[in-house]
Amino acid sequence: MTYALVRRHTSASHLDLDAFADAAGLHPELVRRLVVLGLVDGVPDAGGELWFPVGEVAAVARIQRLRHGFSLNYAALGLVVDLLDHISDLEAALRTRSRRSGG
């Protein structure tokens, strides 16, 4: 199974829950669950409706690839995503340090 990084292009910077769920290929209740678990950033407006940055669609695609590729539950995915992000940050810092030292 493959997962697109983004299913459709939109000029909006944020999507409501239904539009986000549709773009991510998920049921809105699953999106709400991912928000509760801290895997996806959703921002509630004054009326309590969730809004999502368009870039979070790529985060959901990453989560789905990891979930299906490693058969992990969503709670474990939080740890895996945090570790992968930390590794990426460390590698970027190492590249920057290497460029500064000329090596």
PDB file of N, CA and C in Angstrom:
ATOM      1  N   MET A   1       0.834  -1.171   0.000  1.00  0.00           N
ATOM      2  CA  MET A   1       0.000   0.000   0.000  1.00  0.00           C
ATOM      3  C   MET A   1       0.883   1.240   0.000  1.00  0.00           C
ATOM      4  N   THR A   2       0.513   2.260  -0.771  1.00  0.00           N
ATOM      5  CA  THR A   2       1.292   3.489  -0.820  1.00  0.00           C
ATOM      6  C   THR A   2       0.463   4.644  -0.290  1.00  0.00           C
ATOM      7  N   TYR A   3       1.163   5.672   0.183  1.00  0.00           N
ATOM      8  CA  TYR A   3       0.503   6.840   0.731  1.00  0.00           C
ATOM      9  C   TYR A   3       1.113   8.080   0.101  1.00  0.00           C
ATOM     10  N   ALA A   4       0.284   8.867  -0.527  1.00  0.00           N
ATOM     11  CA  ALA A   4       0.755  10.116  -1.124  1.00  0.00           C
ATOM     12  C   ALA A   4       1.079  11.092  -0.013  1.00  0.00           C
ATOM     13  N   LEU A   5       2.056  11.957  -0.258  1.00  0.00           N
ATOM     14  CA  LEU A   5       2.358  12.984   0.722  1.00  0.00           C
ATOM     15  C   LEU A   5       1.213  13.975   0.832  1.00  0.00           C
ATOM     16  N   VAL A   6       0.656  14.341  -0.291  1.00  0.00           N
ATOM     17  CA  VAL A   6      -0.500  15.237  -0.304  1.00  0.00           C
ATOM     18  C   VAL A   6      -1.412  14.774  -1.423  1.00  0.00           C
ATOM     19  N   ARG A   7      -2.679  14.572  -1.125  1.00  0.00           N
ATOM     20  CA  ARG A   7      -3.597  14.069  -2.133  1.00  0.00           C
ATOM     21  C   ARG A   7      -4.115  15.142  -3.073  1.00  0.00           C
ATOM     22  N   ARG A   8      -4.250  16.351  -2.572  1.00  0.00           N
ATOM     23  CA  ARG A   8      -4.733  17.407  -3.447  1.00  0.00           C
ATOM     24  C   ARG A   8      -4.082  18.717  -3.070  1.00  0.00           C
ATOM     25  N   HIS A   9      -4.016  19.589  -4.024  1.00  0.00           N
ATOM     26  CA  HIS A   9      -3.403  20.896  -3.791  1.00  0.00           C
ATOM     27  C   HIS A   9      -4.478  21.875  -3.359  1.00  0.00           C
ATOM     28  N   THR A  10      -4.158  22.665  -2.378  1.00  0.00           N
ATOM     29  CA  THR A  10      -5.081  23.693  -1.938  1.00  0.00           C
ATOM     30  C   THR A  10      -4.295  24.963  -1.650  1.00  0.00           C
ATOM     31  N   SER A  11      -4.933  26.101  -1.888  1.00  0.00           N
ATOM     32  CA  SER A  11      -4.256  27.362  -1.619  1.00  0.00           C
ATOM     33  C   SER A  11      -4.501  27.818  -0.187  1.00  0.00           C
ATOM     34  N   ALA A  12      -5.395  27.145   0.532  1.00  0.00           N
ATOM     35  CA  ALA A  12      -5.681  27.507   1.921  1.00  0.00           C
ATOM     36  C   ALA A  12      -4.517  27.083   2.807  1.00  0.00           C
ATOM     37  N   SER A  13      -4.273  27.876   3.857  1.00  0.00           N
ATOM     38  CA  SER A  13      -3.183  27.527   4.771  1.00  0.00           C
ATOM     39  C   SER A  13      -3.650  26.562   5.855  1.00  0.00           C
ATOM     40  N   HIS A  14      -4.964  26.515   6.099  1.00  0.00           N
ATOM     41  CA  HIS A  14      -5.531  25.610   7.099  1.00  0.00           C
ATOM     42  C   HIS A  14      -6.776  24.927   6.540  1.00  0.00           C
ATOM     43  N   LEU A  15      -7.021  23.730   7.023  1.00  0.00           N
ATOM     44  CA  LEU A  15      -8.187  22.959   6.601  1.00  0.00           C
ATOM     45  C   LEU A  15      -9.032  22.635   7.817  1.00  0.00           C
ATOM     46  N   ASP A  16     -10.354  22.623   7.636  1.00  0.00           N
ATOM     47  CA  ASP A  16     -11.210  22.189   8.739  1.00  0.00           C
ATOM     48  C   ASP A  16     -11.109  20.673   8.857  1.00  0.00           C
ATOM     49  N   LEU A  17     -11.722  20.115   9.875  1.00  0.00           N
ATOM     50  CA  LEU A  17     -11.594  18.688  10.158  1.00  0.00           C
ATOM     51  C   LEU A  17     -12.000  17.821   8.977  1.00  0.00           C
ATOM     52  N   ASP A  18     -13.159  18.094   8.393  1.00  0.00           N
ATOM     53  CA  ASP A  18     -13.630  17.250   7.293  1.00  0.00           C
ATOM     54  C   ASP A  18     -12.734  17.342   6.065  1.00  0.00           C
ATOM     55  N   ALA A  19     -12.303  18.550   5.716  1.00  0.00           N
ATOM     56  CA  ALA A  19     -11.417  18.717   4.556  1.00  0.00           C
ATOM     57  C   ALA A  19     -10.067  18.060   4.817  1.00  0.00           C
ATOM     58  N   PHE A  20      -9.573  18.200   6.047  1.00  0.00           N
ATOM     59  CA  PHE A  20      -8.292  17.582   6.395  1.00  0.00           C
ATOM     60  C   PHE A  20      -8.387  16.064   6.340  1.00  0.00           C
ATOM     61  N   ALA A  21      -9.449  15.520   6.934  1.00  0.00           N
ATOM     62  CA  ALA A  21      -9.640  14.063   6.923  1.00  0.00           C
ATOM     63  C   ALA A  21      -9.724  13.553   5.493  1.00  0.00           C
ATOM     64  N   ASP A  22     -10.440  14.272   4.644  1.00  0.00           N
ATOM     65  CA  ASP A  22     -10.559  13.882   3.242  1.00  0.00           C
ATOM     66  C   ASP A  22      -9.196  13.919   2.548  1.00  0.00           C
ATOM     67  N   ALA A  23      -8.435  14.995   2.770  1.00  0.00           N
ATOM     68  CA  ALA A  23      -7.116  15.119   2.143  1.00  0.00           C
ATOM     69  C   ALA A  23      -6.161  14.036   2.630  1.00  0.00           C
ATOM     70  N   ALA A  24      -6.298  13.648   3.900  1.00  0.00           N
ATOM     71  CA  ALA A  24      -5.410  12.633   4.474  1.00  0.00           C
ATOM     72  C   ALA A  24      -5.903  11.214   4.215  1.00  0.00           C
ATOM     73  N   GLY A  25      -7.134  11.066   3.744  1.00  0.00           N
ATOM     74  CA  GLY A  25      -7.688   9.740   3.479  1.00  0.00           C
ATOM     75  C   GLY A  25      -8.079   9.003   4.745  1.00  0.00           C
ATOM     76  N   LEU A  26      -8.465   9.761   5.780  1.00  0.00           N
ATOM     77  CA  LEU A  26      -8.827   9.167   7.063  1.00  0.00           C
ATOM     78  C   LEU A  26     -10.239   9.578   7.457  1.00  0.00           C
ATOM     79  N   HIS A  27     -10.823   8.818   8.347  1.00  0.00           N
ATOM     80  CA  HIS A  27     -12.123   9.175   8.920  1.00  0.00           C
ATOM     81  C   HIS A  27     -11.900  10.316   9.919  1.00  0.00           C
ATOM     82  N   PRO A  28     -12.800  11.275   9.992  1.00  0.00           N
ATOM     83  CA  PRO A  28     -12.634  12.387  10.930  1.00  0.00           C
ATOM     84  C   PRO A  28     -12.432  11.954  12.388  1.00  0.00           C
ATOM     85  N   GLU A  29     -13.062  10.871  12.806  1.00  0.00           N
ATOM     86  CA  GLU A  29     -12.869  10.398  14.184  1.00  0.00           C
ATOM     87  C   GLU A  29     -11.443   9.923  14.423  1.00  0.00           C
ATOM     88  N   LEU A  30     -10.838   9.301  13.410  1.00  0.00           N
ATOM     89  CA  LEU A  30      -9.441   8.887  13.541  1.00  0.00           C
ATOM     90  C   LEU A  30      -8.538  10.117  13.625  1.00  0.00           C
ATOM     91  N   VAL A  31      -8.860  11.142  12.862  1.00  0.00           N
ATOM     92  CA  VAL A  31      -8.076  12.388  12.938  1.00  0.00           C
ATOM     93  C   VAL A  31      -8.172  12.957  14.351  1.00  0.00           C
ATOM     94  N   ARG A  32      -9.366  12.977  14.919  1.00  0.00           N
ATOM     95  CA  ARG A  32      -9.532  13.471  16.294  1.00  0.00           C
ATOM     96  C   ARG A  32      -8.676  12.647  17.265  1.00  0.00           C
ATOM     97  N   ARG A  33      -8.644  11.348  17.062  1.00  0.00           N
ATOM     98  CA  ARG A  33      -7.838  10.463  17.919  1.00  0.00           C
ATOM     99  C   ARG A  33      -6.351  10.795  17.795  1.00  0.00           C
ATOM    100  N   LEU A  34      -5.904  11.055  16.584  1.00  0.00           N
ATOM    101  CA  LEU A  34      -4.493  11.405  16.362  1.00  0.00           C
ATOM    102  C   LEU A  34      -4.145  12.721  17.050  1.00  0.00           C
ATOM    103  N   VAL A  35      -5.100  13.647  17.076  1.00  0.00           N
ATOM    104  CA  VAL A  35      -4.878  14.918  17.770  1.00  0.00           C
ATOM    105  C   VAL A  35      -4.741  14.666  19.271  1.00  0.00           C
ATOM    106  N   VAL A  36      -5.633  13.861  19.830  1.00  0.00           N
ATOM    107  CA  VAL A  36      -5.586  13.546  21.263  1.00  0.00           C
ATOM    108  C   VAL A  36      -4.262  12.880  21.630  1.00  0.00           C
ATOM    109  N   LEU A  37      -3.756  12.018  20.754  1.00  0.00           N
ATOM    110  CA  LEU A  37      -2.491  11.331  20.999  1.00  0.00           C
ATOM    111  C   LEU A  37      -1.273  12.232  20.768  1.00  0.00           C
ATOM    112  N   GLY A  38      -1.508  13.421  20.228  1.00  0.00           N
ATOM    113  CA  GLY A  38      -0.410  14.344  19.977  1.00  0.00           C
ATOM    114  C   GLY A  38       0.368  14.052  18.704  1.00  0.00           C
ATOM    115  N   LEU A  39      -0.185  13.228  17.826  1.00  0.00           N
ATOM    116  CA  LEU A  39       0.500  12.886  16.583  1.00  0.00           C
ATOM    117  C   LEU A  39       0.243  13.902  15.477  1.00  0.00           C
ATOM    118  N   VAL A  40      -0.842  14.644  15.585  1.00  0.00           N
ATOM    119  CA  VAL A  40      -1.222  15.640  14.589  1.00  0.00           C
ATOM    120  C   VAL A  40      -1.582  16.916  15.334  1.00  0.00           C
ATOM    121  N   ASP A  41      -1.160  18.050  14.777  1.00  0.00           N
ATOM    122  CA  ASP A  41      -1.462  19.341  15.385  1.00  0.00           C
ATOM    123  C   ASP A  41      -2.753  19.907  14.810  1.00  0.00           C
ATOM    124  N   GLY A  42      -3.775  19.943  15.643  1.00  0.00           N
ATOM    125  CA  GLY A  42      -5.037  20.568  15.289  1.00  0.00           C
ATOM    126  C   GLY A  42      -5.289  21.704  16.259  1.00  0.00           C
ATOM    127  N   VAL A  43      -5.730  22.840  15.741  1.00  0.00           N
ATOM    128  CA  VAL A  43      -5.957  24.014  16.570  1.00  0.00           C
ATOM    129  C   VAL A  43      -7.451  24.306  16.602  1.00  0.00           C
ATOM    130  N   PRO A  44      -8.051  24.292  17.795  1.00  0.00           N
ATOM    131  CA  PRO A  44      -9.479  24.603  17.864  1.00  0.00           C
ATOM    132  C   PRO A  44      -9.727  26.111  17.723  1.00  0.00           C
ATOM    133  N   ASP A  45     -10.784  26.465  17.015  1.00  0.00           N
ATOM    134  CA  ASP A  45     -11.158  27.873  16.921  1.00  0.00           C
ATOM    135  C   ASP A  45     -12.070  28.232  18.096  1.00  0.00           C
ATOM    136  N   ALA A  46     -12.603  29.434  18.108  1.00  0.00           N
ATOM    137  CA  ALA A  46     -13.439  29.901  19.217  1.00  0.00           C
ATOM    138  C   ALA A  46     -14.672  29.023  19.410  1.00  0.00           C
ATOM    139  N   GLY A  47     -15.166  28.423  18.328  1.00  0.00           N
ATOM    140  CA  GLY A  47     -16.338  27.549  18.413  1.00  0.00           C
ATOM    141  C   GLY A  47     -15.998  26.104  18.720  1.00  0.00           C
ATOM    142  N   GLY A  48     -14.711  25.794  18.877  1.00  0.00           N
ATOM    143  CA  GLY A  48     -14.289  24.431  19.184  1.00  0.00           C
ATOM    144  C   GLY A  48     -14.007  23.559  17.975  1.00  0.00           C
ATOM    145  N   GLU A  49     -14.191  24.096  16.760  1.00  0.00           N
ATOM    146  CA  GLU A  49     -13.915  23.313  15.557  1.00  0.00           C
ATOM    147  C   GLU A  49     -12.409  23.238  15.333  1.00  0.00           C
ATOM    148  N   LEU A  50     -11.930  22.057  14.971  1.00  0.00           N
ATOM    149  CA  LEU A  50     -10.504  21.862  14.736  1.00  0.00           C
ATOM    150  C   LEU A  50     -10.105  22.340  13.348  1.00  0.00           C
ATOM    151  N   TRP A  51      -8.939  22.996  13.284  1.00  0.00           N
ATOM    152  CA  TRP A  51      -8.331  23.434  12.037  1.00  0.00           C
ATOM    153  C   TRP A  51      -6.907  22.904  11.989  1.00  0.00           C
ATOM    154  N   PHE A  52      -6.460  22.540  10.788  1.00  0.00           N
ATOM    155  CA  PHE A  52      -5.156  21.902  10.616  1.00  0.00           C
ATOM    156  C   PHE A  52      -4.325  22.621   9.566  1.00  0.00           C
ATOM    157  N   PRO A  53      -3.047  22.865   9.867  1.00  0.00           N
ATOM    158  CA  PRO A  53      -2.162  23.383   8.819  1.00  0.00           C
ATOM    159  C   PRO A  53      -2.083  22.359   7.684  1.00  0.00           C
ATOM    160  N   VAL A  54      -2.045  22.835   6.455  1.00  0.00           N
ATOM    161  CA  VAL A  54      -2.009  21.940   5.297  1.00  0.00           C
ATOM    162  C   VAL A  54      -0.829  20.977   5.390  1.00  0.00           C
ATOM    163  N   GLY A  55       0.291  21.432   5.938  1.00  0.00           N
ATOM    164  CA  GLY A  55       1.480  20.576   6.057  1.00  0.00           C
ATOM    165  C   GLY A  55       1.280  19.349   6.920  1.00  0.00           C
ATOM    166  N   GLU A  56       0.257  19.357   7.754  1.00  0.00           N
ATOM    167  CA  GLU A  56      -0.005  18.195   8.605  1.00  0.00           C
ATOM    168  C   GLU A  56      -0.473  16.981   7.798  1.00  0.00           C
ATOM    169  N   VAL A  57      -0.927  17.206   6.567  1.00  0.00           N
ATOM    170  CA  VAL A  57      -1.311  16.071   5.712  1.00  0.00           C
ATOM    171  C   VAL A  57      -0.094  15.186   5.475  1.00  0.00           C
ATOM    172  N   ALA A  58       1.073  15.806   5.263  1.00  0.00           N
ATOM    173  CA  ALA A  58       2.309  15.039   5.082  1.00  0.00           C
ATOM    174  C   ALA A  58       2.672  14.291   6.360  1.00  0.00           C
ATOM    175  N   ALA A  59       2.421  14.899   7.519  1.00  0.00           N
ATOM    176  CA  ALA A  59       2.691  14.224   8.797  1.00  0.00           C
ATOM    177  C   ALA A  59       1.817  12.988   8.948  1.00  0.00           C
ATOM    178  N   VAL A  60       0.561  13.088   8.539  1.00  0.00           N
ATOM    179  CA  VAL A  60      -0.337  11.935   8.610  1.00  0.00           C
ATOM    180  C   VAL A  60       0.132  10.836   7.666  1.00  0.00           C
ATOM    181  N   ALA A  61       0.582  11.212   6.476  1.00  0.00           N
ATOM    182  CA  ALA A  61       1.089  10.213   5.531  1.00  0.00           C
ATOM    183  C   ALA A  61       2.292   9.484   6.122  1.00  0.00           C
ATOM    184  N   ARG A  62       3.158  10.217   6.786  1.00  0.00           N
ATOM    185  CA  ARG A  62       4.329   9.610   7.440  1.00  0.00           C
ATOM    186  C   ARG A  62       3.886   8.632   8.530  1.00  0.00           C
ATOM    187  N   ILE A  63       2.925   9.055   9.328  1.00  0.00           N
ATOM    188  CA  ILE A  63       2.406   8.209  10.403  1.00  0.00           C
ATOM    189  C   ILE A  63       1.799   6.932   9.823  1.00  0.00           C
ATOM    190  N   GLN A  64       1.033   7.059   8.766  1.00  0.00           N
ATOM    191  CA  GLN A  64       0.404   5.884   8.157  1.00  0.00           C
ATOM    192  C   GLN A  64       1.444   4.935   7.557  1.00  0.00           C
ATOM    193  N   ARG A  65       2.481   5.501   6.924  1.00  0.00           N
ATOM    194  CA  ARG A  65       3.547   4.631   6.378  1.00  0.00           C
ATOM    195  C   ARG A  65       4.240   3.871   7.497  1.00  0.00           C
ATOM    196  N   LEU A  66       4.557   4.555   8.589  1.00  0.00           N
ATOM    197  CA  LEU A  66       5.202   3.889   9.728  1.00  0.00           C
ATOM    198  C   LEU A  66       4.289   2.845  10.347  1.00  0.00           C
ATOM    199  N   ARG A  67       3.027   3.176  10.489  1.00  0.00           N
ATOM    200  CA  ARG A  67       2.063   2.251  11.109  1.00  0.00           C
ATOM    201  C   ARG A  67       1.963   0.960  10.309  1.00  0.00           C
ATOM    202  N   HIS A  68       1.816   1.099   9.012  1.00  0.00           N
ATOM    203  CA  HIS A  68       1.654  -0.096   8.183  1.00  0.00           C
ATOM    204  C   HIS A  68       2.978  -0.799   7.912  1.00  0.00           C
ATOM    205  N   GLY A  69       4.058  -0.043   7.845  1.00  0.00           N
ATOM    206  CA  GLY A  69       5.359  -0.651   7.578  1.00  0.00           C
ATOM    207  C   GLY A  69       5.910  -1.435   8.754  1.00  0.00           C
ATOM    208  N   PHE A  70       5.597  -0.981   9.978  1.00  0.00           N
ATOM    209  CA  PHE A  70       6.147  -1.625  11.168  1.00  0.00           C
ATOM    210  C   PHE A  70       5.084  -2.215  12.084  1.00  0.00           C
ATOM    211  N   SER A  71       3.822  -2.135  11.667  1.00  0.00           N
ATOM    212  CA  SER A  71       2.705  -2.681  12.456  1.00  0.00           C
ATOM    213  C   SER A  71       2.712  -2.164  13.895  1.00  0.00           C
ATOM    214  N   LEU A  72       2.905  -0.864  14.042  1.00  0.00           N
ATOM    215  CA  LEU A  72       2.918  -0.241  15.357  1.00  0.00           C
ATOM    216  C   LEU A  72       1.554   0.364  15.668  1.00  0.00           C
ATOM    217  N   ASN A  73       1.216   0.422  16.952  1.00  0.00           N
ATOM    218  CA  ASN A  73      -0.013   1.119  17.315  1.00  0.00           C
ATOM    219  C   ASN A  73       0.271   2.619  17.343  1.00  0.00           C
ATOM    220  N   TYR A  74      -0.796   3.409  17.404  1.00  0.00           N
ATOM    221  CA  TYR A  74      -0.627   4.856  17.323  1.00  0.00           C
ATOM    222  C   TYR A  74       0.142   5.424  18.510  1.00  0.00           C
ATOM    223  N   ALA A  75      -0.020   4.842  19.679  1.00  0.00           N
ATOM    224  CA  ALA A  75       0.722   5.333  20.846  1.00  0.00           C
ATOM    225  C   ALA A  75       2.231   5.145  20.649  1.00  0.00           C
ATOM    226  N   ALA A  76       2.635   4.001  20.126  1.00  0.00           N
ATOM    227  CA  ALA A  76       4.054   3.743  19.874  1.00  0.00           C
ATOM    228  C   ALA A  76       4.585   4.645  18.764  1.00  0.00           C
ATOM    229  N   LEU A  77       3.731   4.994  17.827  1.00  0.00           N
ATOM    230  CA  LEU A  77       4.162   5.862  16.735  1.00  0.00           C
ATOM    231  C   LEU A  77       4.607   7.228  17.235  1.00  0.00           C
ATOM    232  N   GLY A  78       3.998   7.716  18.305  1.00  0.00           N
ATOM    233  CA  GLY A  78       4.421   8.989  18.872  1.00  0.00           C
ATOM    234  C   GLY A  78       5.887   8.964  19.242  1.00  0.00           C
ATOM    235  N   LEU A  79       6.309   7.893  19.898  1.00  0.00           N
ATOM    236  CA  LEU A  79       7.710   7.742  20.286  1.00  0.00           C
ATOM    237  C   LEU A  79       8.607   7.633  19.055  1.00  0.00           C
ATOM    238  N   VAL A  80       8.205   6.833  18.088  1.00  0.00           N
ATOM    239  CA  VAL A  80       9.008   6.634  16.878  1.00  0.00           C
ATOM    240  C   VAL A  80       9.166   7.951  16.115  1.00  0.00           C
ATOM    241  N   VAL A  81       8.080   8.698  15.957  1.00  0.00           N
ATOM    242  CA  VAL A  81       8.143   9.971  15.240  1.00  0.00           C
ATOM    243  C   VAL A  81       9.049  10.955  15.987  1.00  0.00           C
ATOM    244  N   ASP A  82       8.927  11.007  17.311  1.00  0.00           N
ATOM    245  CA  ASP A  82       9.798  11.890  18.099  1.00  0.00           C
ATOM    246  C   ASP A  82      11.266  11.520  17.919  1.00  0.00           C
ATOM    247  N   LEU A  83      11.567  10.239  17.961  1.00  0.00           N
ATOM    248  CA  LEU A  83      12.953   9.785  17.793  1.00  0.00           C
ATOM    249  C   LEU A  83      13.481  10.110  16.392  1.00  0.00           C
ATOM    250  N   LEU A  84      12.670   9.873  15.372  1.00  0.00           N
ATOM    251  CA  LEU A  84      13.095  10.186  14.009  1.00  0.00           C
ATOM    252  C   LEU A  84      13.339  11.680  13.824  1.00  0.00           C
ATOM    253  N   ASP A  85      12.472  12.500  14.412  1.00  0.00           N
ATOM    254  CA  ASP A  85      12.660  13.954  14.334  1.00  0.00           C
ATOM    255  C   ASP A  85      13.935  14.377  15.066  1.00  0.00           C
ATOM    256  N   HIS A  86      14.192  13.762  16.203  1.00  0.00           N
ATOM    257  CA  HIS A  86      15.397  14.087  16.969  1.00  0.00           C
ATOM    258  C   HIS A  86      16.653  13.696  16.182  1.00  0.00           C
ATOM    259  N   ILE A  87      16.639  12.533  15.568  1.00  0.00           N
ATOM    260  CA  ILE A  87      17.769  12.083  14.745  1.00  0.00           C
ATOM    261  C   ILE A  87      18.001  13.062  13.594  1.00  0.00           C
ATOM    262  N   SER A  88      16.919  13.489  12.957  1.00  0.00           N
ATOM    263  CA  SER A  88      17.030  14.444  11.854  1.00  0.00           C
ATOM    264  C   SER A  88      17.642  15.759  12.323  1.00  0.00           C
ATOM    265  N   ASP A  89      17.218  16.237  13.493  1.00  0.00           N
ATOM    266  CA  ASP A  89      17.783  17.474  14.045  1.00  0.00           C
ATOM    267  C   ASP A  89      19.272  17.319  14.342  1.00  0.00           C
ATOM    268  N   LEU A  90      19.657  16.183  14.908  1.00  0.00           N
ATOM    269  CA  LEU A  90      21.062  15.940  15.218  1.00  0.00           C
ATOM    270  C   LEU A  90      21.908  15.855  13.951  1.00  0.00           C
ATOM    271  N   GLU A  91      21.378  15.191  12.916  1.00  0.00           N
ATOM    272  CA  GLU A  91      22.105  15.100  11.652  1.00  0.00           C
ATOM    273  C   GLU A  91      22.281  16.472  11.014  1.00  0.00           C
ATOM    274  N   ALA A  92      21.251  17.313  11.082  1.00  0.00           N
ATOM    275  CA  ALA A  92      21.345  18.661  10.529  1.00  0.00           C
ATOM    276  C   ALA A  92      22.395  19.478  11.286  1.00  0.00           C
ATOM    277  N   ALA A  93      22.411  19.356  12.605  1.00  0.00           N
ATOM    278  CA  ALA A  93      23.404  20.080  13.410  1.00  0.00           C
ATOM    279  C   ALA A  93      24.809  19.592  13.082  1.00  0.00           C
ATOM    280  N   LEU A  94      24.963  18.302  12.877  1.00  0.00           N
ATOM    281  CA  LEU A  94      26.268  17.745  12.531  1.00  0.00           C
ATOM    282  C   LEU A  94      26.733  18.246  11.163  1.00  0.00           C
ATOM    283  N   ARG A  95      25.811  18.318  10.191  1.00  0.00           N
ATOM    284  CA  ARG A  95      26.170  18.838   8.865  1.00  0.00           C
ATOM    285  C   ARG A  95      26.587  20.295   8.960  1.00  0.00           C
ATOM    286  N   THR A  96      25.866  21.078   9.739  1.00  0.00           N
ATOM    287  CA  THR A  96      26.198  22.492   9.910  1.00  0.00           C
ATOM    288  C   THR A  96      27.566  22.640  10.551  1.00  0.00           C
ATOM    289  N   ARG A  97      27.818  21.860  11.574  1.00  0.00           N
ATOM    290  CA  ARG A  97      29.118  21.911  12.262  1.00  0.00           C
ATOM    291  C   ARG A  97      30.240  21.495  11.326  1.00  0.00           C
ATOM    292  N   SER A  98      29.986  20.467  10.519  1.00  0.00           N
ATOM    293  CA  SER A  98      30.984  19.978   9.578  1.00  0.00           C
ATOM    294  C   SER A  98      31.318  21.043   8.533  1.00  0.00           C
ATOM    295  N   ARG A  99      30.302  21.767   8.023  1.00  0.00           N
ATOM    296  CA  ARG A  99      30.524  22.818   7.040  1.00  0.00           C
ATOM    297  C   ARG A  99      31.320  23.966   7.626  1.00  0.00           C
ATOM    298  N   ARG A 100      31.054  24.317   8.881  1.00  0.00           N
ATOM    299  CA  ARG A 100      31.775  25.412   9.526  1.00  0.00           C
ATOM    300  C   ARG A 100      33.253  25.077   9.735  1.00  0.00           C
ATOM    301  N   SER A 101      33.521  23.802  10.024  1.00  0.00           N
ATOM    302  CA  SER A 101      34.905  23.423  10.287  1.00  0.00           C
ATOM    303  C   SER A 101      35.652  23.090   8.993  1.00  0.00           C
ATOM    304  N   GLY A 102      34.930  23.121   7.871  1.00  0.00           N
ATOM    305  CA  GLY A 102      35.583  22.882   6.583  1.00  0.00           C
ATOM    306  C   GLY A 102      35.815  21.432   6.264  1.00  0.00           C
ATOM    307  N   GLY A 103      35.088  20.565   6.931  1.00  0.00           N
ATOM    308  CA  GLY A 103      35.338  19.158   6.679  1.00  0.00           C
ATOM    309  C   GLY A 103      34.142  18.448   6.413  1.00  0.00           C
TER     310      GLY A 103
END
